[in-house]
Every structure is written in C-alpha cells, then in structure tokens.
Amino acid sequence: MAGIISNGELISSPAPGRQRYGLFSVAPPLDDLDTRGIGSGFQFAAEDCGLVRAYDANCATHPVKTFDEGLAYMEAVPYWVYATRKCGTVGTSATEIAASVRRRLAAGEQHAVESQFWGGTAVASDPNLIGTPGVVTVVPSGDGAGAAIAALEDAFYDDYGYTGVIHVSMRAYAALAYAQVTESQGGRLITPMGSSLAFGAGYGIAGPGGIAPEAGSVWAFMTPPVTIRRSAVIQPDVTATMDRVHNQWLALAERVYAHTWACPVVYAVQVPVAAPAVVTLAAP
C-alpha cells in the first residue's frame, strides 16, 4: 500500500565510518600550518640521510677520512584544497549548509592530497613524486609484484637507514596481497620488512618524469617518512557569500596543505597488477 506522504522522513546523515587506507594512514596530517606556513610553506634540514663509510684504521697507510660538505634541506610548497555546496535557502539553515560542506571537505581531502602528492595534477605541487629529479629506477630480478616490492625495498634501504613509505595506486593492492607483502598494523598497512604501504586512490600510475608503465603494470615509488601539515578549516560566513539575487547558499570550506618527505631519497619500480583469479591448492 502506498504511503500517505510521498517523501520520506528527513533524518540526520549517518556517520561515515573510518577513513580508508591511504596516504593519511601512513602520514596523519599535522593540524599546525600557521599563517607563515600558509604564505610560504616550510623547510627543514635533512639530517637523517647521507653517506656513512667504513674506515680501515691501520698504521701502514694512514687513510684519510672523507668529509662531506653541506646539508640538504627539504621544502614544502603550500597549496589549497576546497569543497563547495550550492543549495536553495528555503528549508535549509546557514548552520546546516556550513556543516554539510565541511563534511564534504573531510570526505574528499585525502584523495585531493594524494593526487597532488603524486604529480600535482590540479595545481603545481613541490615536491611531487613524478616530478622529483634524480629518482632511482629499480629493475627486479624476478617476475611478480612480490619481486618488485622486494627489489624496491632492497635498493631503498641501501640508501636510507629508517623505515620508508611505498606509494602505489590501489590498482596494485590485490597483486601485493596475493604476493603476501601486505600486513595490517595499528590502522595502517606495512610490508613484512616494516615499510609503510600507502595505497592511494588519488595516486596515478605514471613513473619518474611522467613516463607510462608497461601494459599490465603501475609505477610504485618509495620515499622516506612523509610529513603533511595543514591549516585549520577556513570557511567564510555563508550568510555573507550567499547569492541573494537567486536566493542560493554558496558554501565553501577549504584548507591549506604542504607536504614533503624526510630526505631527497626516492626510488621507483614497476609493479605488475595481475593476481591469479583462482588459487590452485596442493593436493593433500
């Protein structure tokens, strides 16, 4: 039997659940980007990387120790991400529309930041993975996603002494799971070697310099730990931004982000995305 009233009862929107795995899982944003950071970004000394050499302290040749001059600095250039909502003012309060657009921003900002982190597709981002100079490309010695990730970690840890972060499109997660190189730990994914895994829905598949991968593969990058800083949510008063001619709310919510990683050490490898559709079990 049809209802007496055609439209359903309006109730509060349900809670969205936990945030998906992604860049924010391995690098939770710090909500401390202040006015100076919004205007100019931030930088820090890359003190946790560089050459360490063995020394033969013999009395015959008295070898001379090599001193490395200078210290690299990591920089992060700010960029803005925003969400909007346009809605008629009839039946909707200013408080409701303001809260609604903040929820939209919270739901989508990780995807926007992942896109900027990978290649700065919307606006220029510095640094970004595909635009980083001097990326070392790794060639695995075997087939499959497991061999690719193992080769990437092996090469990266020849150059960096702490756990790194592997960045790869979600398209490859099934292949990595099949290769048994993904584990869950404290709300994030890691490899058996302890490297953090960031499967980004906003990540691309292109490699260093924007080069396309081979058919059936995606590029993965590995960086030192990532730092993401962001401002508080910036939201103009919706009663001041409304379109009074057409009686429409024009609601805006935005943040300023800046990101970088700990050292100028970045490696990349191609990862095949195919995983067998059927697992063949050994006979008992």
C-alpha atoms as a PDB file:
ATOM      1  CA  MET A   1       0.000   0.000   0.000  1.00  0.00           C
ATOM      2  CA  ALA A   2       1.403   3.386  -0.938  1.00  0.00           C
ATOM      3  CA  GLY A   3       2.306   5.799   1.840  1.00  0.00           C
ATOM      4  CA  ILE A   4       0.137   8.796   2.543  1.00  0.00           C
ATOM      5  CA  ILE A   5       3.132  11.134   2.128  1.00  0.00           C
ATOM      6  CA  SER A   6       5.374  10.549  -0.912  1.00  0.00           C
ATOM      7  CA  ASN A   7       8.657  11.865   0.527  1.00  0.00           C
ATOM      8  CA  GLY A   8      10.399  10.065   3.391  1.00  0.00           C
ATOM      9  CA  GLU A   9      11.148  11.450   6.814  1.00  0.00           C
ATOM     10  CA  LEU A  10      14.330  13.539   6.835  1.00  0.00           C
ATOM     11  CA  ILE A  11      16.803  12.257   9.440  1.00  0.00           C
ATOM     12  CA  SER A  12      20.414  13.107  10.270  1.00  0.00           C
ATOM     13  CA  SER A  13      23.054  11.766   7.908  1.00  0.00           C
ATOM     14  CA  PRO A  14      24.672   8.581   9.266  1.00  0.00           C
ATOM     15  CA  ALA A  15      28.295   8.533  10.422  1.00  0.00           C
ATOM     16  CA  PRO A  16      30.636   7.756   7.508  1.00  0.00           C
ATOM     17  CA  GLY A  17      32.773   5.166   9.302  1.00  0.00           C
ATOM     18  CA  ARG A  18      36.538   5.106   9.470  1.00  0.00           C
ATOM     19  CA  GLN A  19      38.724   6.754   6.873  1.00  0.00           C
ATOM     20  CA  ARG A  20      40.069   4.405   4.190  1.00  0.00           C
ATOM     21  CA  TYR A  21      43.654   3.255   3.950  1.00  0.00           C
ATOM     22  CA  GLY A  22      45.759   5.738   2.014  1.00  0.00           C
ATOM     23  CA  LEU A  23      48.359   8.459   2.393  1.00  0.00           C
ATOM     24  CA  PHE A  24      46.769   9.760   5.603  1.00  0.00           C
ATOM     25  CA  SER A  25      47.097   6.274   7.166  1.00  0.00           C
ATOM     26  CA  VAL A  26      50.891   6.389   6.954  1.00  0.00           C
ATOM     27  CA  ALA A  27      51.301  10.154   7.400  1.00  0.00           C
ATOM     28  CA  PRO A  28      48.481  11.593   9.525  1.00  0.00           C
ATOM     29  CA  PRO A  29      48.318  15.329   8.770  1.00  0.00           C
ATOM     30  CA  LEU A  30      49.515  17.729  11.452  1.00  0.00           C
ATOM     31  CA  ASP A  31      46.975  20.494  12.023  1.00  0.00           C
ATOM     32  CA  ASP A  32      49.612  23.133  12.731  1.00  0.00           C
ATOM     33  CA  LEU A  33      50.190  25.021   9.484  1.00  0.00           C
ATOM     34  CA  ASP A  34      50.091  28.617  10.684  1.00  0.00           C
ATOM     35  CA  THR A  35      49.866  31.935   8.854  1.00  0.00           C
ATOM     36  CA  ARG A  36      53.535  31.938   7.867  1.00  0.00           C
ATOM     37  CA  GLY A  37      53.289  28.356   6.619  1.00  0.00           C
ATOM     38  CA  ILE A  38      50.194  29.205   4.588  1.00  0.00           C
ATOM     39  CA  GLY A  39      52.095  32.015   2.927  1.00  0.00           C
ATOM     40  CA  SER A  40      55.449  30.350   2.318  1.00  0.00           C
ATOM     41  CA  GLY A  41      55.347  26.646   3.213  1.00  0.00           C
ATOM     42  CA  PHE A  42      58.057  25.160   5.422  1.00  0.00           C
ATOM     43  CA  GLN A  43      61.507  23.586   5.260  1.00  0.00           C
ATOM     44  CA  PHE A  44      63.805  21.519   7.455  1.00  0.00           C
ATOM     45  CA  ALA A  45      67.301  20.063   7.380  1.00  0.00           C
ATOM     46  CA  ALA A  46      67.567  16.517   6.036  1.00  0.00           C
ATOM     47  CA  GLU A  47      69.743  15.316   8.899  1.00  0.00           C
ATOM     48  CA  ASP A  48      68.850  11.624   8.740  1.00  0.00           C
ATOM     49  CA  CYS A  49      70.430  10.737   5.405  1.00  0.00           C
ATOM     50  CA  GLY A  50      73.816  10.782   3.718  1.00  0.00           C
ATOM     51  CA  LEU A  51      76.849   8.574   3.228  1.00  0.00           C
ATOM     52  CA  VAL A  52      78.366   6.518   6.045  1.00  0.00           C
ATOM     53  CA  ARG A  53      81.681   4.830   5.211  1.00  0.00           C
ATOM     54  CA  ALA A  54      83.813   2.093   6.720  1.00  0.00           C
ATOM     55  CA  TYR A  55      87.358   3.035   7.761  1.00  0.00           C
ATOM     56  CA  ASP A  56      90.487   0.952   7.954  1.00  0.00           C
ATOM     57  CA  ALA A  57      92.461   2.362  10.861  1.00  0.00           C
ATOM     58  CA  ASN A  58      95.800   0.743  10.045  1.00  0.00           C
ATOM     59  CA  CYS A  59      99.231   2.101  10.866  1.00  0.00           C
ATOM     60  CA  ALA A  60     100.756   1.478   7.448  1.00  0.00           C
ATOM     61  CA  THR A  61      98.783   3.695   5.087  1.00  0.00           C
ATOM     62  CA  HIS A  62      97.022   6.128   7.462  1.00  0.00           C
ATOM     63  CA  PRO A  63      93.959   6.543   5.150  1.00  0.00           C
ATOM     64  CA  VAL A  64      92.324   9.936   5.165  1.00  0.00           C
ATOM     65  CA  LYS A  65      88.663  10.203   6.157  1.00  0.00           C
ATOM     66  CA  THR A  66      86.371  11.883   3.641  1.00  0.00           C
ATOM     67  CA  PHE A  67      84.312  14.846   4.818  1.00  0.00           C
ATOM     68  CA  ASP A  68      81.019  15.532   3.041  1.00  0.00           C
ATOM     69  CA  GLU A  69      80.270  19.212   2.705  1.00  0.00           C
ATOM     70  CA  GLY A  70      76.843  20.726   3.142  1.00  0.00           C
ATOM     71  CA  LEU A  71      73.424  19.520   4.213  1.00  0.00           C
ATOM     72  CA  ALA A  72      70.301  19.093   2.113  1.00  0.00           C
ATOM     73  CA  TYR A  73      67.089  20.881   3.054  1.00  0.00           C
ATOM     74  CA  MET A  74      63.610  19.570   2.339  1.00  0.00           C
ATOM     75  CA  GLU A  75      60.999  22.118   1.308  1.00  0.00           C
ATOM     76  CA  ALA A  76      57.204  22.000   1.119  1.00  0.00           C
ATOM     77  CA  VAL A  77      55.220  24.456  -1.016  1.00  0.00           C
ATOM     78  CA  PRO A  78      51.631  25.171   0.129  1.00  0.00           C
ATOM     79  CA  TYR A  79      48.521  24.509  -1.936  1.00  0.00           C
ATOM     80  CA  TRP A  80      44.781  24.780  -1.275  1.00  0.00           C
ATOM     81  CA  VAL A  81      42.071  22.123  -1.404  1.00  0.00           C
ATOM     82  CA  TYR A  82      38.420  23.074  -1.145  1.00  0.00           C
ATOM     83  CA  ALA A  83      34.830  21.855  -1.272  1.00  0.00           C
ATOM     84  CA  THR A  84      31.674  23.779  -2.159  1.00  0.00           C
ATOM     85  CA  ARG A  85      27.920  23.409  -1.912  1.00  0.00           C
ATOM     86  CA  LYS A  86      25.214  25.367  -3.685  1.00  0.00           C
ATOM     87  CA  CYS A  87      21.726  24.988  -2.302  1.00  0.00           C
ATOM     88  CA  GLY A  88      18.475  26.938  -2.054  1.00  0.00           C
ATOM     89  CA  THR A  89      17.989  28.791   1.202  1.00  0.00           C
ATOM     90  CA  VAL A  90      14.371  27.686   1.606  1.00  0.00           C
ATOM     91  CA  GLY A  91      14.199  24.936   4.206  1.00  0.00           C
ATOM     92  CA  THR A  92      17.962  24.948   4.871  1.00  0.00           C
ATOM     93  CA  SER A  93      19.641  26.951   7.611  1.00  0.00           C
ATOM     94  CA  ALA A  94      23.042  28.608   7.449  1.00  0.00           C
ATOM     95  CA  THR A  95      24.303  26.273  10.167  1.00  0.00           C
ATOM     96  CA  GLU A  96      23.206  23.185   8.252  1.00  0.00           C
ATOM     97  CA  ILE A  97      24.776  24.194   4.946  1.00  0.00           C
ATOM     98  CA  ALA A  98      28.029  25.214   6.652  1.00  0.00           C
ATOM     99  CA  ALA A  99      28.293  21.861   8.448  1.00  0.00           C
ATOM    100  CA  SER A 100      27.411  19.979   5.268  1.00  0.00           C
ATOM    101  CA  VAL A 101      30.216  21.456   3.180  1.00  0.00           C
ATOM    102  CA  ARG A 102      32.723  20.765   5.962  1.00  0.00           C
ATOM    103  CA  ARG A 103      31.720  17.101   5.816  1.00  0.00           C
ATOM    104  CA  ARG A 104      32.216  17.104   2.060  1.00  0.00           C
ATOM    105  CA  LEU A 105      35.729  18.510   2.515  1.00  0.00           C
ATOM    106  CA  ALA A 106      36.612  15.916   5.167  1.00  0.00           C
ATOM    107  CA  ALA A 107      35.409  13.095   2.917  1.00  0.00           C
ATOM    108  CA  GLY A 108      37.430  14.085  -0.121  1.00  0.00           C
ATOM    109  CA  GLU A 109      40.568  15.875   1.017  1.00  0.00           C
ATOM    110  CA  GLN A 110      42.741  12.736   1.277  1.00  0.00           C
ATOM    111  CA  HIS A 111      42.058  11.951  -2.385  1.00  0.00           C
ATOM    112  CA  ALA A 112      42.933  15.528  -3.396  1.00  0.00           C
ATOM    113  CA  VAL A 113      46.180  15.470  -1.399  1.00  0.00           C
ATOM    114  CA  GLU A 114      47.164  12.077  -2.851  1.00  0.00           C
ATOM    115  CA  SER A 115      46.692  13.486  -6.339  1.00  0.00           C
ATOM    116  CA  GLN A 116      48.878  16.478  -5.504  1.00  0.00           C
ATOM    117  CA  PHE A 117      51.465  14.257  -3.806  1.00  0.00           C
ATOM    118  CA  TRP A 118      51.767  12.018  -6.854  1.00  0.00           C
ATOM    119  CA  GLY A 119      52.045  14.615  -9.539  1.00  0.00           C
ATOM    120  CA  GLY A 120      50.432  17.943  -8.753  1.00  0.00           C
ATOM    121  CA  THR A 121      47.729  17.353 -11.347  1.00  0.00           C
ATOM    122  CA  ALA A 122      45.367  20.154 -10.299  1.00  0.00           C
ATOM    123  CA  VAL A 123      47.957  22.771  -9.360  1.00  0.00           C
ATOM    124  CA  ALA A 124      51.737  22.606  -9.149  1.00  0.00           C
ATOM    125  CA  SER A 125      52.934  20.788  -6.021  1.00  0.00           C
ATOM    126  CA  ASP A 126      56.501  20.745  -4.788  1.00  0.00           C
ATOM    127  CA  PRO A 127      57.647  18.143  -4.103  1.00  0.00           C
ATOM    128  CA  ASN A 128      55.685  15.565  -6.074  1.00  0.00           C
ATOM    129  CA  LEU A 129      56.647  12.011  -6.926  1.00  0.00           C
ATOM    130  CA  ILE A 130      56.693  12.011 -10.710  1.00  0.00           C
ATOM    131  CA  GLY A 131      58.413  15.400 -10.848  1.00  0.00           C
ATOM    132  CA  THR A 132      61.203  14.585  -8.391  1.00  0.00           C
ATOM    133  CA  PRO A 133      64.651  14.827 -10.015  1.00  0.00           C
ATOM    134  CA  GLY A 134      67.149  12.046  -9.503  1.00  0.00           C
ATOM    135  CA  VAL A 135      64.689   9.204  -8.819  1.00  0.00           C
ATOM    136  CA  VAL A 136      66.491   5.844  -8.960  1.00  0.00           C
ATOM    137  CA  THR A 137      64.658   3.262 -11.083  1.00  0.00           C
ATOM    138  CA  VAL A 138      64.854  -0.335  -9.851  1.00  0.00           C
ATOM    139  CA  VAL A 139      64.704  -3.403 -12.112  1.00  0.00           C
ATOM    140  CA  PRO A 140      63.531  -6.558 -10.265  1.00  0.00           C
ATOM    141  CA  SER A 141      65.449  -9.791 -10.746  1.00  0.00           C
ATOM    142  CA  GLY A 142      62.240 -11.845 -10.899  1.00  0.00           C
ATOM    143  CA  ASP A 143      58.622 -11.684 -12.006  1.00  0.00           C
ATOM    144  CA  GLY A 144      55.589 -10.654  -9.985  1.00  0.00           C
ATOM    145  CA  ALA A 145      54.577  -7.964  -7.534  1.00  0.00           C
ATOM    146  CA  GLY A 146      56.437  -9.571  -4.641  1.00  0.00           C
ATOM    147  CA  ALA A 147      59.748  -9.496  -6.507  1.00  0.00           C
ATOM    148  CA  ALA A 148      59.169  -5.871  -7.486  1.00  0.00           C
ATOM    149  CA  ILE A 149      58.497  -4.713  -3.913  1.00  0.00           C
ATOM    150  CA  ALA A 150      61.425  -6.729  -2.550  1.00  0.00           C
ATOM    151  CA  ALA A 151      63.775  -5.178  -5.106  1.00  0.00           C
ATOM    152  CA  LEU A 152      62.429  -1.708  -4.293  1.00  0.00           C
ATOM    153  CA  GLU A 153      62.992  -2.160  -0.554  1.00  0.00           C
ATOM    154  CA  ASP A 154      66.439  -3.692  -1.073  1.00  0.00           C
ATOM    155  CA  ALA A 155      67.610  -0.743  -3.179  1.00  0.00           C
ATOM    156  CA  PHE A 156      65.985   1.898  -0.971  1.00  0.00           C
ATOM    157  CA  TYR A 157      67.470   0.558   2.253  1.00  0.00           C
ATOM    158  CA  ASP A 158      70.930   0.644   0.731  1.00  0.00           C
ATOM    159  CA  ASP A 159      70.443   4.417   0.786  1.00  0.00           C
ATOM    160  CA  TYR A 160      68.260   5.107   3.838  1.00  0.00           C
ATOM    161  CA  GLY A 161      68.502   3.687   7.341  1.00  0.00           C
ATOM    162  CA  TYR A 162      64.952   4.027   8.657  1.00  0.00           C
ATOM    163  CA  THR A 163      61.627   2.596   7.551  1.00  0.00           C
ATOM    164  CA  GLY A 164      60.334   4.127   4.335  1.00  0.00           C
ATOM    165  CA  VAL A 165      56.961   4.522   2.650  1.00  0.00           C
ATOM    166  CA  ILE A 166      55.873   2.724  -0.521  1.00  0.00           C
ATOM    167  CA  HIS A 167      53.375   4.693  -2.601  1.00  0.00           C
ATOM    168  CA  VAL A 168      51.320   2.797  -5.171  1.00  0.00           C
ATOM    169  CA  SER A 169      47.939   3.026  -6.842  1.00  0.00           C
ATOM    170  CA  MET A 170      45.096   0.952  -5.404  1.00  0.00           C
ATOM    171  CA  ARG A 171      45.073  -0.895  -8.718  1.00  0.00           C
ATOM    172  CA  ALA A 172      48.010  -2.957  -7.431  1.00  0.00           C
ATOM    173  CA  TYR A 173      46.733  -3.873  -3.967  1.00  0.00           C
ATOM    174  CA  ALA A 174      45.320  -7.284  -4.991  1.00  0.00           C
ATOM    175  CA  ALA A 175      48.629  -8.307  -6.567  1.00  0.00           C
ATOM    176  CA  LEU A 176      50.543  -7.226  -3.453  1.00  0.00           C
ATOM    177  CA  ALA A 177      48.073  -9.003  -1.185  1.00  0.00           C
ATOM    178  CA  TYR A 178      48.401 -12.177  -3.270  1.00  0.00           C
ATOM    179  CA  ALA A 179      52.190 -11.898  -3.019  1.00  0.00           C
ATOM    180  CA  GLN A 180      51.767 -11.705   0.779  1.00  0.00           C
ATOM    181  CA  VAL A 181      53.650  -8.440   1.160  1.00  0.00           C
ATOM    182  CA  THR A 182      50.855  -6.594   2.988  1.00  0.00           C
ATOM    183  CA  GLU A 183      50.159  -6.753   6.717  1.00  0.00           C
ATOM    184  CA  SER A 184      47.882  -4.673   8.936  1.00  0.00           C
ATOM    185  CA  GLN A 185      49.405  -2.885  11.894  1.00  0.00           C
ATOM    186  CA  GLY A 186      47.766  -0.212  14.015  1.00  0.00           C
ATOM    187  CA  GLY A 187      45.423   1.169  11.377  1.00  0.00           C
ATOM    188  CA  ARG A 188      47.960   1.126   8.555  1.00  0.00           C
ATOM    189  CA  LEU A 189      49.419  -1.376   6.106  1.00  0.00           C
ATOM    190  CA  ILE A 190      53.044  -2.471   6.152  1.00  0.00           C
ATOM    191  CA  THR A 191      55.286  -4.951   4.355  1.00  0.00           C
ATOM    192  CA  PRO A 192      56.969  -7.859   6.200  1.00  0.00           C
ATOM    193  CA  MET A 193      60.066  -5.623   6.346  1.00  0.00           C
ATOM    194  CA  GLY A 194      58.085  -2.931   8.179  1.00  0.00           C
ATOM    195  CA  SER A 195      57.861  -0.421   5.330  1.00  0.00           C
ATOM    196  CA  SER A 196      54.622   1.557   5.327  1.00  0.00           C
ATOM    197  CA  LEU A 197      52.280   0.978   2.382  1.00  0.00           C
ATOM    198  CA  ALA A 198      50.182   3.856   1.059  1.00  0.00           C
ATOM    199  CA  PHE A 199      47.638   2.595  -1.462  1.00  0.00           C
ATOM    200  CA  GLY A 200      46.337   5.852  -2.881  1.00  0.00           C
ATOM    201  CA  ALA A 201      43.026   6.140  -4.703  1.00  0.00           C
ATOM    202  CA  GLY A 202      44.293   9.558  -5.779  1.00  0.00           C
ATOM    203  CA  TYR A 203      47.661   8.200  -6.912  1.00  0.00           C
ATOM    204  CA  GLY A 204      48.411   7.849 -10.610  1.00  0.00           C
ATOM    205  CA  ILE A 205      50.268   5.076 -12.407  1.00  0.00           C
ATOM    206  CA  ALA A 206      52.925   7.133 -14.240  1.00  0.00           C
ATOM    207  CA  GLY A 207      56.532   6.938 -13.152  1.00  0.00           C
ATOM    208  CA  PRO A 208      59.527   9.276 -12.919  1.00  0.00           C
ATOM    209  CA  GLY A 209      59.147  12.202 -15.283  1.00  0.00           C
ATOM    210  CA  GLY A 210      55.595  11.108 -16.069  1.00  0.00           C
ATOM    211  CA  ILE A 211      56.685   8.039 -18.064  1.00  0.00           C
ATOM    212  CA  ALA A 212      53.902   5.488 -18.586  1.00  0.00           C
ATOM    213  CA  PRO A 213      54.303   1.961 -17.193  1.00  0.00           C
ATOM    214  CA  GLU A 214      54.345  -1.188 -19.294  1.00  0.00           C
ATOM    215  CA  ALA A 215      50.964  -2.711 -20.080  1.00  0.00           C
ATOM    216  CA  GLY A 216      49.577  -4.514 -17.027  1.00  0.00           C
ATOM    217  CA  SER A 217      51.785  -2.633 -14.557  1.00  0.00           C
ATOM    218  CA  VAL A 218      51.820   0.542 -12.468  1.00  0.00           C
ATOM    219  CA  TRP A 219      54.716   2.515 -11.076  1.00  0.00           C
ATOM    220  CA  ALA A 220      55.402   2.499  -7.337  1.00  0.00           C
ATOM    221  CA  PHE A 221      57.636   4.965  -5.503  1.00  0.00           C
ATOM    222  CA  MET A 222      59.422   4.636  -2.180  1.00  0.00           C
ATOM    223  CA  THR A 223      60.269   7.666  -0.045  1.00  0.00           C
ATOM    224  CA  PRO A 224      61.499   8.350   3.471  1.00  0.00           C
ATOM    225  CA  PRO A 225      58.771   9.140   6.040  1.00  0.00           C
ATOM    226  CA  VAL A 226      56.299  11.775   4.869  1.00  0.00           C
ATOM    227  CA  THR A 227      55.347  14.964   6.699  1.00  0.00           C
ATOM    228  CA  ILE A 228      51.976  16.570   5.927  1.00  0.00           C
ATOM    229  CA  ARG A 229      50.926  19.822   7.555  1.00  0.00           C
ATOM    230  CA  ARG A 230      47.625  21.593   7.063  1.00  0.00           C
ATOM    231  CA  SER A 231      45.781  24.642   8.286  1.00  0.00           C
ATOM    232  CA  ALA A 232      42.546  24.686  10.203  1.00  0.00           C
ATOM    233  CA  VAL A 233      39.420  24.582   8.041  1.00  0.00           C
ATOM    234  CA  ILE A 234      38.842  28.017   6.543  1.00  0.00           C
ATOM    235  CA  GLN A 235      35.186  28.821   5.964  1.00  0.00           C
ATOM    236  CA  PRO A 236      33.635  32.173   5.089  1.00  0.00           C
ATOM    237  CA  ASP A 237      30.352  33.065   6.719  1.00  0.00           C
ATOM    238  CA  VAL A 238      27.708  31.529   4.437  1.00  0.00           C
ATOM    239  CA  THR A 239      25.361  34.449   5.089  1.00  0.00           C
ATOM    240  CA  ALA A 240      27.995  36.722   3.544  1.00  0.00           C
ATOM    241  CA  THR A 241      28.696  34.535   0.487  1.00  0.00           C
ATOM    242  CA  MET A 242      25.096  33.665  -0.407  1.00  0.00           C
ATOM    243  CA  ASP A 243      23.651  34.592  -3.789  1.00  0.00           C
ATOM    244  CA  ARG A 244      20.891  36.966  -2.750  1.00  0.00           C
ATOM    245  CA  VAL A 245      19.661  37.503  -6.308  1.00  0.00           C
ATOM    246  CA  HIS A 246      18.767  33.818  -6.743  1.00  0.00           C
ATOM    247  CA  ASN A 247      18.326  33.043  -3.034  1.00  0.00           C
ATOM    248  CA  GLN A 248      21.060  30.360  -3.005  1.00  0.00           C
ATOM    249  CA  TRP A 249      23.565  29.357  -0.375  1.00  0.00           C
ATOM    250  CA  LEU A 250      27.131  29.361  -1.763  1.00  0.00           C
ATOM    251  CA  ALA A 251      29.038  27.451   0.913  1.00  0.00           C
ATOM    252  CA  LEU A 252      32.811  26.971   0.868  1.00  0.00           C
ATOM    253  CA  ALA A 253      35.224  25.046   3.102  1.00  0.00           C
ATOM    254  CA  GLU A 254      38.953  24.849   2.410  1.00  0.00           C
ATOM    255  CA  ARG A 255      42.348  24.042   3.894  1.00  0.00           C
ATOM    256  CA  VAL A 256      45.934  24.818   3.020  1.00  0.00           C
ATOM    257  CA  TYR A 257      48.252  21.801   2.772  1.00  0.00           C
ATOM    258  CA  ALA A 258      52.004  21.368   2.426  1.00  0.00           C
ATOM    259  CA  HIS A 259      53.856  18.053   2.262  1.00  0.00           C
ATOM    260  CA  THR A 260      57.356  16.669   1.877  1.00  0.00           C
ATOM    261  CA  TRP A 261      59.473  13.687   2.934  1.00  0.00           C
ATOM    262  CA  ALA A 262      62.467  13.402   5.243  1.00  0.00           C
ATOM    263  CA  CYS A 263      65.343  13.139   2.728  1.00  0.00           C
ATOM    264  CA  PRO A 264      65.943  13.561  -1.004  1.00  0.00           C
ATOM    265  CA  VAL A 265      65.984   9.777  -1.485  1.00  0.00           C
ATOM    266  CA  VAL A 266      63.323   8.406  -3.860  1.00  0.00           C
ATOM    267  CA  TYR A 267      63.241   5.051  -5.669  1.00  0.00           C
ATOM    268  CA  ALA A 268      60.742   3.674  -8.170  1.00  0.00           C
ATOM    269  CA  VAL A 269      59.798   0.317  -9.670  1.00  0.00           C
ATOM    270  CA  GLN A 270      57.113  -1.065 -11.968  1.00  0.00           C
ATOM    271  CA  VAL A 271      54.655  -3.416 -10.263  1.00  0.00           C
ATOM    272  CA  PRO A 272      52.515  -5.885 -12.246  1.00  0.00           C
ATOM    273  CA  VAL A 273      48.888  -5.677 -11.157  1.00  0.00           C
ATOM    274  CA  ALA A 274      47.705  -9.134 -12.205  1.00  0.00           C
ATOM    275  CA  ALA A 275      46.962 -11.645  -9.463  1.00  0.00           C
ATOM    276  CA  PRO A 276      45.743 -15.179 -10.266  1.00  0.00           C
ATOM    277  CA  ALA A 277      41.951 -15.329 -10.265  1.00  0.00           C
ATOM    278  CA  VAL A 278      41.973 -18.869  -8.848  1.00  0.00           C
ATOM    279  CA  VAL A 279      44.397 -20.207  -6.265  1.00  0.00           C
ATOM    280  CA  THR A 280      45.444 -23.784  -7.003  1.00  0.00           C
ATOM    281  CA  LEU A 281      45.886 -25.727  -3.782  1.00  0.00           C
ATOM    282  CA  ALA A 282      48.408 -28.513  -3.487  1.00  0.00           C
ATOM    283  CA  ALA A 283      46.978 -31.996  -3.300  1.00  0.00           C
ATOM    284  CA  PRO A 284      46.796 -33.428   0.250  1.00  0.00           C
END
